[in-house]
PDB file of N, CA and C in Angstrom:
ATOM      1  N   MET A   1     -29.149  15.280 -55.691  1.00  0.00           N
ATOM      2  CA  MET A   1     -30.348  14.679 -55.162  1.00  0.00           C
ATOM      3  C   MET A   1     -31.450  14.611 -56.210  1.00  0.00           C
ATOM      4  N   GLU A   2     -31.577  15.699 -57.022  1.00  0.00           N
ATOM      5  CA  GLU A   2     -32.621  15.719 -58.051  1.00  0.00           C
ATOM      6  C   GLU A   2     -32.433  14.559 -59.026  1.00  0.00           C
ATOM      7  N   ASP A   3     -31.171  14.253 -59.385  1.00  0.00           N
ATOM      8  CA  ASP A   3     -30.917  13.142 -60.301  1.00  0.00           C
ATOM      9  C   ASP A   3     -31.399  11.820 -59.720  1.00  0.00           C
ATOM     10  N   ASP A   4     -31.293  11.667 -58.392  1.00  0.00           N
ATOM     11  CA  ASP A   4     -31.767  10.448 -57.737  1.00  0.00           C
ATOM     12  C   ASP A   4     -33.283  10.321 -57.863  1.00  0.00           C
ATOM     13  N   LEU A   5     -33.986  11.462 -57.978  1.00  0.00           N
ATOM     14  CA  LEU A   5     -35.446  11.457 -58.019  1.00  0.00           C
ATOM     15  C   LEU A   5     -36.012  11.419 -59.437  1.00  0.00           C
ATOM     16  N   PHE A   6     -35.159  11.646 -60.454  1.00  0.00           N
ATOM     17  CA  PHE A   6     -35.629  11.620 -61.841  1.00  0.00           C
ATOM     18  C   PHE A   6     -36.157  10.226 -62.166  1.00  0.00           C
ATOM     19  N   GLY A   7     -37.353  10.191 -62.701  1.00  0.00           N
ATOM     20  CA  GLY A   7     -37.969   8.910 -63.032  1.00  0.00           C
ATOM     21  C   GLY A   7     -38.640   8.237 -61.852  1.00  0.00           C
ATOM     22  N   VAL A   8     -38.569   8.886 -60.692  1.00  0.00           N
ATOM     23  CA  VAL A   8     -39.203   8.351 -59.484  1.00  0.00           C
ATOM     24  C   VAL A   8     -40.252   9.330 -58.982  1.00  0.00           C
ATOM     25  N   CYS A   9     -39.826  10.560 -58.778  1.00  0.00           N
ATOM     26  CA  CYS A   9     -40.718  11.615 -58.276  1.00  0.00           C
ATOM     27  C   CYS A   9     -41.286  12.403 -59.458  1.00  0.00           C
ATOM     28  N   PRO A  10     -42.601  12.518 -59.570  1.00  0.00           N
ATOM     29  CA  PRO A  10     -43.193  13.249 -60.694  1.00  0.00           C
ATOM     30  C   PRO A  10     -42.752  14.710 -60.776  1.00  0.00           C
ATOM     31  N   PHE A  11     -42.572  15.368 -59.625  1.00  0.00           N
ATOM     32  CA  PHE A  11     -42.180  16.776 -59.638  1.00  0.00           C
ATOM     33  C   PHE A  11     -40.739  16.952 -60.099  1.00  0.00           C
ATOM     34  N   ALA A  12     -39.836  16.133 -59.585  1.00  0.00           N
ATOM     35  CA  ALA A  12     -38.437  16.214 -59.995  1.00  0.00           C
ATOM     36  C   ALA A  12     -38.284  15.845 -61.468  1.00  0.00           C
ATOM     37  N   THR A  13     -39.049  14.873 -61.911  1.00  0.00           N
ATOM     38  CA  THR A  13     -38.993  14.452 -63.312  1.00  0.00           C
ATOM     39  C   THR A  13     -39.486  15.578 -64.218  1.00  0.00           C
ATOM     40  N   ALA A  14     -40.622  16.177 -63.883  1.00  0.00           N
ATOM     41  CA  ALA A  14     -41.163  17.276 -64.687  1.00  0.00           C
ATOM     42  C   ALA A  14     -40.216  18.460 -64.695  1.00  0.00           C
ATOM     43  N   GLN A  15     -39.649  18.784 -63.551  1.00  0.00           N
ATOM     44  CA  GLN A  15     -38.724  19.919 -63.465  1.00  0.00           C
ATOM     45  C   GLN A  15     -37.515  19.699 -64.363  1.00  0.00           C
ATOM     46  N   ARG A  16     -36.986  18.486 -64.378  1.00  0.00           N
ATOM     47  CA  ARG A  16     -35.816  18.182 -65.195  1.00  0.00           C
ATOM     48  C   ARG A  16     -36.148  18.227 -66.676  1.00  0.00           C
ATOM     49  N   VAL A  17     -37.289  17.656 -67.059  1.00  0.00           N
ATOM     50  CA  VAL A  17     -37.681  17.600 -68.463  1.00  0.00           C
ATOM     51  C   VAL A  17     -37.995  19.003 -68.993  1.00  0.00           C
ATOM     52  N   LEU A  18     -38.552  19.853 -68.149  1.00  0.00           N
ATOM     53  CA  LEU A  18     -38.926  21.209 -68.574  1.00  0.00           C
ATOM     54  C   LEU A  18     -37.877  22.244 -68.197  1.00  0.00           C
ATOM     55  N   SER A  19     -36.652  21.797 -67.979  1.00  0.00           N
ATOM     56  CA  SER A  19     -35.603  22.727 -67.594  1.00  0.00           C
ATOM     57  C   SER A  19     -35.258  23.630 -68.773  1.00  0.00           C
ATOM     58  N   GLY A  20     -34.696  24.746 -68.449  1.00  0.00           N
ATOM     59  CA  GLY A  20     -34.344  25.717 -69.475  1.00  0.00           C
ATOM     60  C   GLY A  20     -35.265  26.913 -69.387  1.00  0.00           C
ATOM     61  N   LYS A  21     -34.670  28.065 -69.468  1.00  0.00           N
ATOM     62  CA  LYS A  21     -35.409  29.326 -69.322  1.00  0.00           C
ATOM     63  C   LYS A  21     -36.547  29.440 -70.327  1.00  0.00           C
ATOM     64  N   TRP A  22     -36.380  28.851 -71.498  1.00  0.00           N
ATOM     65  CA  TRP A  22     -37.326  29.067 -72.585  1.00  0.00           C
ATOM     66  C   TRP A  22     -38.256  27.890 -72.844  1.00  0.00           C
ATOM     67  N   ALA A  23     -38.136  26.810 -72.104  1.00  0.00           N
ATOM     68  CA  ALA A  23     -38.885  25.578 -72.402  1.00  0.00           C
ATOM     69  C   ALA A  23     -40.392  25.818 -72.452  1.00  0.00           C
ATOM     70  N   LEU A  24     -40.937  26.525 -71.482  1.00  0.00           N
ATOM     71  CA  LEU A  24     -42.389  26.738 -71.466  1.00  0.00           C
ATOM     72  C   LEU A  24     -42.847  27.595 -72.642  1.00  0.00           C
ATOM     73  N   LEU A  25     -42.053  28.605 -73.009  1.00  0.00           N
ATOM     74  CA  LEU A  25     -42.440  29.427 -74.159  1.00  0.00           C
ATOM     75  C   LEU A  25     -42.369  28.632 -75.460  1.00  0.00           C
ATOM     76  N   VAL A  26     -41.353  27.798 -75.597  1.00  0.00           N
ATOM     77  CA  VAL A  26     -41.263  26.942 -76.786  1.00  0.00           C
ATOM     78  C   VAL A  26     -42.478  26.023 -76.837  1.00  0.00           C
ATOM     79  N   MET A  27     -42.829  25.439 -75.700  1.00  0.00           N
ATOM     80  CA  MET A  27     -44.019  24.574 -75.651  1.00  0.00           C
ATOM     81  C   MET A  27     -45.264  25.374 -76.055  1.00  0.00           C
ATOM     82  N   HIS A  28     -45.373  26.594 -75.562  1.00  0.00           N
ATOM     83  CA  HIS A  28     -46.527  27.441 -75.900  1.00  0.00           C
ATOM     84  C   HIS A  28     -46.619  27.664 -77.409  1.00  0.00           C
ATOM     85  N   TYR A  29     -45.532  28.079 -78.018  1.00  0.00           N
ATOM     86  CA  TYR A  29     -45.582  28.354 -79.464  1.00  0.00           C
ATOM     87  C   TYR A  29     -45.834  27.083 -80.273  1.00  0.00           C
ATOM     88  N   LEU A  30     -45.234  25.975 -79.884  1.00  0.00           N
ATOM     89  CA  LEU A  30     -45.458  24.723 -80.613  1.00  0.00           C
ATOM     90  C   LEU A  30     -46.847  24.154 -80.355  1.00  0.00           C
ATOM     91  N   SER A  31     -47.492  24.578 -79.272  1.00  0.00           N
ATOM     92  CA  SER A  31     -48.862  24.117 -79.020  1.00  0.00           C
ATOM     93  C   SER A  31     -49.820  24.674 -80.068  1.00  0.00           C
ATOM     94  N   GLN A  32     -49.404  25.721 -80.754  1.00  0.00           N
ATOM     95  CA  GLN A  32     -50.233  26.341 -81.783  1.00  0.00           C
ATOM     96  C   GLN A  32     -50.041  25.688 -83.145  1.00  0.00           C
ATOM     97  N   GLY A  33     -49.069  24.783 -83.236  1.00  0.00           N
ATOM     98  CA  GLY A  33     -48.850  24.065 -84.485  1.00  0.00           C
ATOM     99  C   GLY A  33     -47.380  23.928 -84.818  1.00  0.00           C
ATOM    100  N   THR A  34     -47.105  23.207 -85.878  1.00  0.00           N
ATOM    101  CA  THR A  34     -45.740  22.963 -86.335  1.00  0.00           C
ATOM    102  C   THR A  34     -45.110  24.265 -86.802  1.00  0.00           C
ATOM    103  N   LEU A  35     -43.842  24.477 -86.407  1.00  0.00           N
ATOM    104  CA  LEU A  35     -43.133  25.701 -86.772  1.00  0.00           C
ATOM    105  C   LEU A  35     -41.726  25.372 -87.246  1.00  0.00           C
ATOM    106  N   ARG A  36     -41.215  26.230 -88.109  1.00  0.00           N
ATOM    107  CA  ARG A  36     -39.829  26.130 -88.528  1.00  0.00           C
ATOM    108  C   ARG A  36     -38.965  26.906 -87.539  1.00  0.00           C
ATOM    109  N   PHE A  37     -37.675  26.640 -87.574  1.00  0.00           N
ATOM    110  CA  PHE A  37     -36.736  27.266 -86.637  1.00  0.00           C
ATOM    111  C   PHE A  37     -36.859  28.794 -86.695  1.00  0.00           C
ATOM    112  N   GLY A  38     -36.872  29.346 -87.887  1.00  0.00           N
ATOM    113  CA  GLY A  38     -36.945  30.802 -88.043  1.00  0.00           C
ATOM    114  C   GLY A  38     -38.226  31.388 -87.474  1.00  0.00           C
ATOM    115  N   GLN A  39     -39.309  30.657 -87.597  1.00  0.00           N
ATOM    116  CA  GLN A  39     -40.582  31.136 -87.038  1.00  0.00           C
ATOM    117  C   GLN A  39     -40.506  31.186 -85.516  1.00  0.00           C
ATOM    118  N   LEU A  40     -39.915  30.167 -84.923  1.00  0.00           N
ATOM    119  CA  LEU A  40     -39.742  30.162 -83.465  1.00  0.00           C
ATOM    120  C   LEU A  40     -38.824  31.302 -83.040  1.00  0.00           C
ATOM    121  N   GLN A  41     -37.767  31.514 -83.793  1.00  0.00           N
ATOM    122  CA  GLN A  41     -36.819  32.576 -83.448  1.00  0.00           C
ATOM    123  C   GLN A  41     -37.479  33.953 -83.539  1.00  0.00           C
ATOM    124  N   ARG A  42     -38.308  34.164 -84.536  1.00  0.00           N
ATOM    125  CA  ARG A  42     -39.012  35.453 -84.654  1.00  0.00           C
ATOM    126  C   ARG A  42     -40.022  35.640 -83.527  1.00  0.00           C
ATOM    127  N   ALA A  43     -40.601  34.553 -83.051  1.00  0.00           N
ATOM    128  CA  ALA A  43     -41.567  34.636 -81.958  1.00  0.00           C
ATOM    129  C   ALA A  43     -40.883  34.993 -80.637  1.00  0.00           C
ATOM    130  N   MET A  44     -39.607  34.670 -80.516  1.00  0.00           N
ATOM    131  CA  MET A  44     -38.854  34.926 -79.280  1.00  0.00           C
ATOM    132  C   MET A  44     -37.541  35.643 -79.612  1.00  0.00           C
ATOM    133  N   PRO A  45     -37.620  36.904 -80.045  1.00  0.00           N
ATOM    134  CA  PRO A  45     -36.415  37.600 -80.519  1.00  0.00           C
ATOM    135  C   PRO A  45     -35.350  37.818 -79.447  1.00  0.00           C
ATOM    136  N   GLN A  46     -35.709  37.699 -78.170  1.00  0.00           N
ATOM    137  CA  GLN A  46     -34.727  37.873 -77.103  1.00  0.00           C
ATOM    138  C   GLN A  46     -33.794  36.667 -76.995  1.00  0.00           C
ATOM    139  N   MET A  47     -34.174  35.555 -77.575  1.00  0.00           N
ATOM    140  CA  MET A  47     -33.390  34.334 -77.490  1.00  0.00           C
ATOM    141  C   MET A  47     -32.417  34.261 -78.663  1.00  0.00           C
ATOM    142  N   THR A  48     -31.164  33.933 -78.363  1.00  0.00           N
ATOM    143  CA  THR A  48     -30.184  33.800 -79.435  1.00  0.00           C
ATOM    144  C   THR A  48     -30.431  32.509 -80.219  1.00  0.00           C
ATOM    145  N   GLN A  49     -29.883  32.467 -81.410  1.00  0.00           N
ATOM    146  CA  GLN A  49     -30.019  31.284 -82.262  1.00  0.00           C
ATOM    147  C   GLN A  49     -29.418  30.057 -81.572  1.00  0.00           C
ATOM    148  N   ALA A  50     -28.256  30.239 -80.933  1.00  0.00           N
ATOM    149  CA  ALA A  50     -27.593  29.115 -80.258  1.00  0.00           C
ATOM    150  C   ALA A  50     -28.437  28.602 -79.089  1.00  0.00           C
ATOM    151  N   THR A  51     -29.043  29.524 -78.346  1.00  0.00           N
ATOM    152  CA  THR A  51     -29.872  29.127 -77.205  1.00  0.00           C
ATOM    153  C   THR A  51     -31.107  28.381 -77.669  1.00  0.00           C
ATOM    154  N   LEU A  52     -31.753  28.883 -78.725  1.00  0.00           N
ATOM    155  CA  LEU A  52     -32.935  28.197 -79.257  1.00  0.00           C
ATOM    156  C   LEU A  52     -32.569  26.809 -79.751  1.00  0.00           C
ATOM    157  N   SER A  53     -31.476  26.713 -80.458  1.00  0.00           N
ATOM    158  CA  SER A  53     -31.021  25.418 -80.970  1.00  0.00           C
ATOM    159  C   SER A  53     -30.773  24.443 -79.819  1.00  0.00           C
ATOM    160  N   ARG A  54     -30.105  24.899 -78.773  1.00  0.00           N
ATOM    161  CA  ARG A  54     -29.819  24.046 -77.612  1.00  0.00           C
ATOM    162  C   ARG A  54     -31.106  23.643 -76.904  1.00  0.00           C
ATOM    163  N   GLN A  55     -32.032  24.597 -76.734  1.00  0.00           N
ATOM    164  CA  GLN A  55     -33.291  24.296 -76.052  1.00  0.00           C
ATOM    165  C   GLN A  55     -34.096  23.265 -76.839  1.00  0.00           C
ATOM    166  N   LEU A  56     -34.180  23.435 -78.157  1.00  0.00           N
ATOM    167  CA  LEU A  56     -34.914  22.484 -78.986  1.00  0.00           C
ATOM    168  C   LEU A  56     -34.272  21.100 -78.935  1.00  0.00           C
ATOM    169  N   LYS A  57     -32.953  21.056 -78.956  1.00  0.00           N
ATOM    170  CA  LYS A  57     -32.248  19.775 -78.904  1.00  0.00           C
ATOM    171  C   LYS A  57     -32.532  19.063 -77.580  1.00  0.00           C
ATOM    172  N   GLU A  58     -32.507  19.816 -76.467  1.00  0.00           N
ATOM    173  CA  GLU A  58     -32.806  19.222 -75.155  1.00  0.00           C
ATOM    174  C   GLU A  58     -34.243  18.712 -75.110  1.00  0.00           C
ATOM    175  N   MET A  59     -35.164  19.481 -75.667  1.00  0.00           N
ATOM    176  CA  MET A  59     -36.572  19.083 -75.652  1.00  0.00           C
ATOM    177  C   MET A  59     -36.815  17.877 -76.554  1.00  0.00           C
ATOM    178  N   GLU A  60     -36.070  17.802 -77.639  1.00  0.00           N
ATOM    179  CA  GLU A  60     -36.161  16.634 -78.515  1.00  0.00           C
ATOM    180  C   GLU A  60     -35.619  15.391 -77.794  1.00  0.00           C
ATOM    181  N   GLN A  61     -34.492  15.541 -77.104  1.00  0.00           N
ATOM    182  CA  GLN A  61     -33.901  14.420 -76.370  1.00  0.00           C
ATOM    183  C   GLN A  61     -34.807  13.964 -75.226  1.00  0.00           C
ATOM    184  N   SER A  62     -35.588  14.902 -74.672  1.00  0.00           N
ATOM    185  CA  SER A  62     -36.524  14.557 -73.597  1.00  0.00           C
ATOM    186  C   SER A  62     -37.814  13.947 -74.125  1.00  0.00           C
ATOM    187  N   GLY A  63     -37.996  13.985 -75.432  1.00  0.00           N
ATOM    188  CA  GLY A  63     -39.191  13.401 -76.023  1.00  0.00           C
ATOM    189  C   GLY A  63     -40.391  14.334 -76.086  1.00  0.00           C
ATOM    190  N   LEU A  64     -40.170  15.639 -75.834  1.00  0.00           N
ATOM    191  CA  LEU A  64     -41.276  16.606 -75.883  1.00  0.00           C
ATOM    192  C   LEU A  64     -41.521  17.145 -77.281  1.00  0.00           C
ATOM    193  N   VAL A  65     -40.453  17.206 -78.075  1.00  0.00           N
ATOM    194  CA  VAL A  65     -40.499  17.846 -79.393  1.00  0.00           C
ATOM    195  C   VAL A  65     -40.025  16.855 -80.452  1.00  0.00           C
ATOM    196  N   VAL A  66     -40.654  16.925 -81.615  1.00  0.00           N
ATOM    197  CA  VAL A  66     -40.241  16.120 -82.767  1.00  0.00           C
ATOM    198  C   VAL A  66     -39.626  17.068 -83.797  1.00  0.00           C
ATOM    199  N   ARG A  67     -38.439  16.712 -84.258  1.00  0.00           N
ATOM    200  CA  ARG A  67     -37.739  17.480 -85.294  1.00  0.00           C
ATOM    201  C   ARG A  67     -37.856  16.696 -86.590  1.00  0.00           C
ATOM    202  N   THR A  68     -38.401  17.346 -87.614  1.00  0.00           N
ATOM    203  CA  THR A  68     -38.546  16.702 -88.920  1.00  0.00           C
ATOM    204  C   THR A  68     -37.715  17.473 -89.933  1.00  0.00           C
ATOM    205  N   ALA A  69     -36.711  16.798 -90.502  1.00  0.00           N
ATOM    206  CA  ALA A  69     -35.845  17.413 -91.513  1.00  0.00           C
ATOM    207  C   ALA A  69     -36.253  16.886 -92.882  1.00  0.00           C
ATOM    208  N   TYR A  70     -36.424  17.804 -93.815  1.00  0.00           N
ATOM    209  CA  TYR A  70     -36.801  17.443 -95.182  1.00  0.00           C
ATOM    210  C   TYR A  70     -35.570  17.533 -96.069  1.00  0.00           C
ATOM    211  N   ASN A  71     -35.353  16.513 -96.870  1.00  0.00           N
ATOM    212  CA  ASN A  71     -34.194  16.451 -97.749  1.00  0.00           C
ATOM    213  C   ASN A  71     -34.487  17.244 -99.014  1.00  0.00           C
ATOM    214  N   GLN A  72     -34.271  18.532 -98.938  1.00  0.00           N
ATOM    215  CA  GLN A  72     -34.520  19.411-100.074  1.00  0.00           C
ATOM    216  C   GLN A  72     -33.557  20.584-100.004  1.00  0.00           C
ATOM    217  N   ILE A  73     -33.544  21.351-101.069  1.00  0.00           N
ATOM    218  CA  ILE A  73     -32.701  22.537-101.111  1.00  0.00           C
ATOM    219  C   ILE A  73     -33.604  23.738-101.347  1.00  0.00           C
ATOM    220  N   PRO A  74     -33.563  24.764-100.496  1.00  0.00           N
ATOM    221  CA  PRO A  74     -32.774  24.817 -99.262  1.00  0.00           C
ATOM    222  C   PRO A  74     -33.340  23.863 -98.214  1.00  0.00           C
ATOM    223  N   PRO A  75     -32.498  23.476 -97.246  1.00  0.00           N
ATOM    224  CA  PRO A  75     -32.957  22.537 -96.220  1.00  0.00           C
ATOM    225  C   PRO A  75     -34.129  23.119 -95.436  1.00  0.00           C
ATOM    226  N   ARG A  76     -35.027  22.242 -95.041  1.00  0.00           N
ATOM    227  CA  ARG A  76     -36.180  22.671 -94.254  1.00  0.00           C
ATOM    228  C   ARG A  76     -36.306  21.748 -93.051  1.00  0.00           C
ATOM    229  N   VAL A  77     -36.435  22.343 -91.876  1.00  0.00           N
ATOM    230  CA  VAL A  77     -36.601  21.595 -90.639  1.00  0.00           C
ATOM    231  C   VAL A  77     -37.809  22.167 -89.921  1.00  0.00           C
ATOM    232  N   GLU A  78     -38.676  21.289 -89.454  1.00  0.00           N
ATOM    233  CA  GLU A  78     -39.868  21.710 -88.724  1.00  0.00           C
ATOM    234  C   GLU A  78     -39.870  21.065 -87.345  1.00  0.00           C
ATOM    235  N   TYR A  79     -40.485  21.771 -86.415  1.00  0.00           N
ATOM    236  CA  TYR A  79     -40.594  21.293 -85.040  1.00  0.00           C
ATOM    237  C   TYR A  79     -42.060  21.235 -84.655  1.00  0.00           C
ATOM    238  N   SER A  80     -42.408  20.185 -83.931  1.00  0.00           N
ATOM    239  CA  SER A  80     -43.779  20.040 -83.441  1.00  0.00           C
ATOM    240  C   SER A  80     -43.723  19.321 -82.098  1.00  0.00           C
ATOM    241  N   LEU A  81     -44.828  19.378 -81.383  1.00  0.00           N
ATOM    242  CA  LEU A  81     -44.908  18.653 -80.121  1.00  0.00           C
ATOM    243  C   LEU A  81     -45.093  17.166 -80.409  1.00  0.00           C
ATOM    244  N   SER A  82     -44.394  16.355 -79.662  1.00  0.00           N
ATOM    245  CA  SER A  82     -44.572  14.908 -79.753  1.00  0.00           C
ATOM    246  C   SER A  82     -45.878  14.550 -79.048  1.00  0.00           C
ATOM    247  N   PRO A  83     -46.320  13.314 -79.152  1.00  0.00           N
ATOM    248  CA  PRO A  83     -47.508  12.910 -78.381  1.00  0.00           C
ATOM    249  C   PRO A  83     -47.344  13.170 -76.881  1.00  0.00           C
ATOM    250  N   VAL A  84     -46.158  12.932 -76.339  1.00  0.00           N
ATOM    251  CA  VAL A  84     -45.919  13.209 -74.915  1.00  0.00           C
ATOM    252  C   VAL A  84     -45.977  14.715 -74.664  1.00  0.00           C
ATOM    253  N   GLY A  85     -45.425  15.499 -75.584  1.00  0.00           N
ATOM    254  CA  GLY A  85     -45.496  16.948 -75.461  1.00  0.00           C
ATOM    255  C   GLY A  85     -46.926  17.449 -75.518  1.00  0.00           C
ATOM    256  N   GLN A  86     -47.742  16.818 -76.344  1.00  0.00           N
ATOM    257  CA  GLN A  86     -49.154  17.217 -76.445  1.00  0.00           C
ATOM    258  C   GLN A  86     -49.926  16.895 -75.163  1.00  0.00           C
ATOM    259  N   GLU A  87     -49.477  15.879 -74.430  1.00  0.00           N
ATOM    260  CA  GLU A  87     -50.108  15.580 -73.140  1.00  0.00           C
ATOM    261  C   GLU A  87     -49.921  16.716 -72.142  1.00  0.00           C
ATOM    262  N   PHE A  88     -48.942  17.583 -72.400  1.00  0.00           N
ATOM    263  CA  PHE A  88     -48.654  18.709 -71.510  1.00  0.00           C
ATOM    264  C   PHE A  88     -49.602  19.888 -71.743  1.00  0.00           C
ATOM    265  N   LEU A  89     -50.379  19.872 -72.817  1.00  0.00           N
ATOM    266  CA  LEU A  89     -51.224  21.021 -73.169  1.00  0.00           C
ATOM    267  C   LEU A  89     -52.199  21.433 -72.066  1.00  0.00           C
ATOM    268  N   PRO A  90     -52.866  20.518 -71.367  1.00  0.00           N
ATOM    269  CA  PRO A  90     -53.736  20.968 -70.264  1.00  0.00           C
ATOM    270  C   PRO A  90     -52.947  21.691 -69.162  1.00  0.00           C
ATOM    271  N   VAL A  91     -51.732  21.237 -68.905  1.00  0.00           N
ATOM    272  CA  VAL A  91     -50.886  21.887 -67.902  1.00  0.00           C
ATOM    273  C   VAL A  91     -50.506  23.280 -68.398  1.00  0.00           C
ATOM    274  N   LEU A  92     -50.179  23.390 -69.669  1.00  0.00           N
ATOM    275  CA  LEU A  92     -49.830  24.686 -70.263  1.00  0.00           C
ATOM    276  C   LEU A  92     -50.999  25.661 -70.152  1.00  0.00           C
ATOM    277  N   SER A  93     -52.205  25.180 -70.407  1.00  0.00           N
ATOM    278  CA  SER A  93     -53.398  26.030 -70.275  1.00  0.00           C
ATOM    279  C   SER A  93     -53.596  26.472 -68.827  1.00  0.00           C
ATOM    280  N   ALA A  94     -53.374  25.558 -67.893  1.00  0.00           N
ATOM    281  CA  ALA A  94     -53.508  25.907 -66.479  1.00  0.00           C
ATOM    282  C   ALA A  94     -52.452  26.937 -66.073  1.00  0.00           C
ATOM    283  N   LEU A  95     -51.228  26.794 -66.574  1.00  0.00           N
ATOM    284  CA  LEU A  95     -50.184  27.774 -66.290  1.00  0.00           C
ATOM    285  C   LEU A  95     -50.534  29.142 -66.867  1.00  0.00           C
ATOM    286  N   GLU A  96     -51.135  29.153 -68.043  1.00  0.00           N
ATOM    287  CA  GLU A  96     -51.543  30.419 -68.654  1.00  0.00           C
ATOM    288  C   GLU A  96     -52.591  31.119 -67.785  1.00  0.00           C
ATOM    289  N   ARG A  97     -53.578  30.361 -67.311  1.00  0.00           N
ATOM    290  CA  ARG A  97     -54.605  30.950 -66.439  1.00  0.00           C
ATOM    291  C   ARG A  97     -53.995  31.462 -65.143  1.00  0.00           C
ATOM    292  N   TRP A  98     -53.140  30.658 -64.524  1.00  0.00           N
ATOM    293  CA  TRP A  98     -52.521  31.059 -63.276  1.00  0.00           C
ATOM    294  C   TRP A  98     -51.631  32.288 -63.489  1.00  0.00           C
ATOM    295  N   GLY A  99     -50.845  32.283 -64.569  1.00  0.00           N
ATOM    296  CA  GLY A  99     -49.982  33.428 -64.870  1.00  0.00           C
ATOM    297  C   GLY A  99     -50.790  34.691 -65.090  1.00  0.00           C
ATOM    298  N   GLY A 100     -51.909  34.584 -65.785  1.00  0.00           N
ATOM    299  CA  GLY A 100     -52.787  35.736 -65.986  1.00  0.00           C
ATOM    300  C   GLY A 100     -53.346  36.256 -64.676  1.00  0.00           C
ATOM    301  N   SER A 101     -53.722  35.358 -63.805  1.00  0.00           N
ATOM    302  CA  SER A 101     -54.222  35.742 -62.483  1.00  0.00           C
ATOM    303  C   SER A 101     -53.124  36.436 -61.680  1.00  0.00           C
ATOM    304  N   TYR A 102     -51.922  35.902 -61.742  1.00  0.00           N
ATOM    305  CA  TYR A 102     -50.796  36.491 -61.024  1.00  0.00           C
ATOM    306  C   TYR A 102     -50.518  37.903 -61.532  1.00  0.00           C
ATOM    307  N   ILE A 103     -50.574  38.083 -62.858  1.00  0.00           N
ATOM    308  CA  ILE A 103     -50.380  39.411 -63.450  1.00  0.00           C
ATOM    309  C   ILE A 103     -51.440  40.371 -62.922  1.00  0.00           C
ATOM    310  N   GLY A 104     -52.673  39.890 -62.803  1.00  0.00           N
ATOM    311  CA  GLY A 104     -53.743  40.710 -62.242  1.00  0.00           C
ATOM    312  C   GLY A 104     -53.429  41.160 -60.824  1.00  0.00           C
ATOM    313  N   HIS A 105     -52.880  40.254 -60.014  1.00  0.00           N
ATOM    314  CA  HIS A 105     -52.490  40.603 -58.644  1.00  0.00           C
ATOM    315  C   HIS A 105     -51.359  41.637 -58.637  1.00  0.00           C
ATOM    316  N   LEU A 106     -50.406  41.467 -59.557  1.00  0.00           N
ATOM    317  CA  LEU A 106     -49.313  42.440 -59.651  1.00  0.00           C
ATOM    318  C   LEU A 106     -49.839  43.826 -59.998  1.00  0.00           C
ATOM    319  N   LYS A 107     -50.710  43.876 -60.997  1.00  0.00           N
ATOM    320  CA  LYS A 107     -51.261  45.165 -61.440  1.00  0.00           C
ATOM    321  C   LYS A 107     -52.123  45.817 -60.356  1.00  0.00           C
ATOM    322  N   ALA A 108     -52.768  44.993 -59.543  1.00  0.00           N
ATOM    323  CA  ALA A 108     -53.599  45.517 -58.461  1.00  0.00           C
ATOM    324  C   ALA A 108     -52.762  45.939 -57.256  1.00  0.00           C
ATOM    325  N   GLY A 109     -51.474  45.648 -57.302  1.00  0.00           N
ATOM    326  CA  GLY A 109     -50.602  46.004 -56.183  1.00  0.00           C
ATOM    327  C   GLY A 109     -50.691  45.028 -55.021  1.00  0.00           C
ATOM    328  N   ASP A 110     -51.289  43.869 -55.244  1.00  0.00           N
ATOM    329  CA  ASP A 110     -51.421  42.868 -54.183  1.00  0.00           C
ATOM    330  C   ASP A 110     -50.108  42.147 -53.879  1.00  0.00           C
ATOM    331  N   LEU A 111     -49.175  42.197 -54.821  1.00  0.00           N
ATOM    332  CA  LEU A 111     -47.915  41.472 -54.683  1.00  0.00           C
ATOM    333  C   LEU A 111     -46.751  42.424 -54.957  1.00  0.00           C
ATOM    334  N   PRO A 112     -45.603  42.147 -54.404  1.00  0.00           N
ATOM    335  CA  PRO A 112     -44.445  42.974 -54.721  1.00  0.00           C
ATOM    336  C   PRO A 112     -43.997  42.730 -56.164  1.00  0.00           C
ATOM    337  N   ALA A 113     -43.665  43.782 -56.869  1.00  0.00           N
ATOM    338  CA  ALA A 113     -43.193  43.653 -58.247  1.00  0.00           C
ATOM    339  C   ALA A 113     -41.777  43.094 -58.255  1.00  0.00           C
ATOM    340  N   ARG A 114     -41.514  42.218 -59.213  1.00  0.00           N
ATOM    341  CA  ARG A 114     -40.167  41.649 -59.382  1.00  0.00           C
ATOM    342  C   ARG A 114     -39.531  42.269 -60.601  1.00  0.00           C
ATOM    343  N   GLY A 115     -38.262  42.524 -60.537  1.00  0.00           N
ATOM    344  CA  GLY A 115     -37.572  43.150 -61.657  1.00  0.00           C
ATOM    345  C   GLY A 115     -36.818  42.263 -62.494  1.00  0.00           C
TER     346      GLY A 115
END
């Protein structure tokens, strides 16, 4: 059903484009500027190299991320947000505020803790 709504429903489209456990964190780190693969990997040490590579490839195919490869030795590849990815920055800021508020509720004991 979700595939039927892709490109029609804004929520289904956004959910599909931002799929992947790490998509929002990758967007967060790239919102701070262009990064190389190793820099992204160091920022998210819990993510395997294969997972990061797959996530970046999916985000590139979705048009959120631009991959720039430089023809030099050693090879250098940089990742940055595309113009469409940069349009997501206000949403990312809103998610950060909401997430911070939610953390405050958790710490205050207003919500059940999730493990």
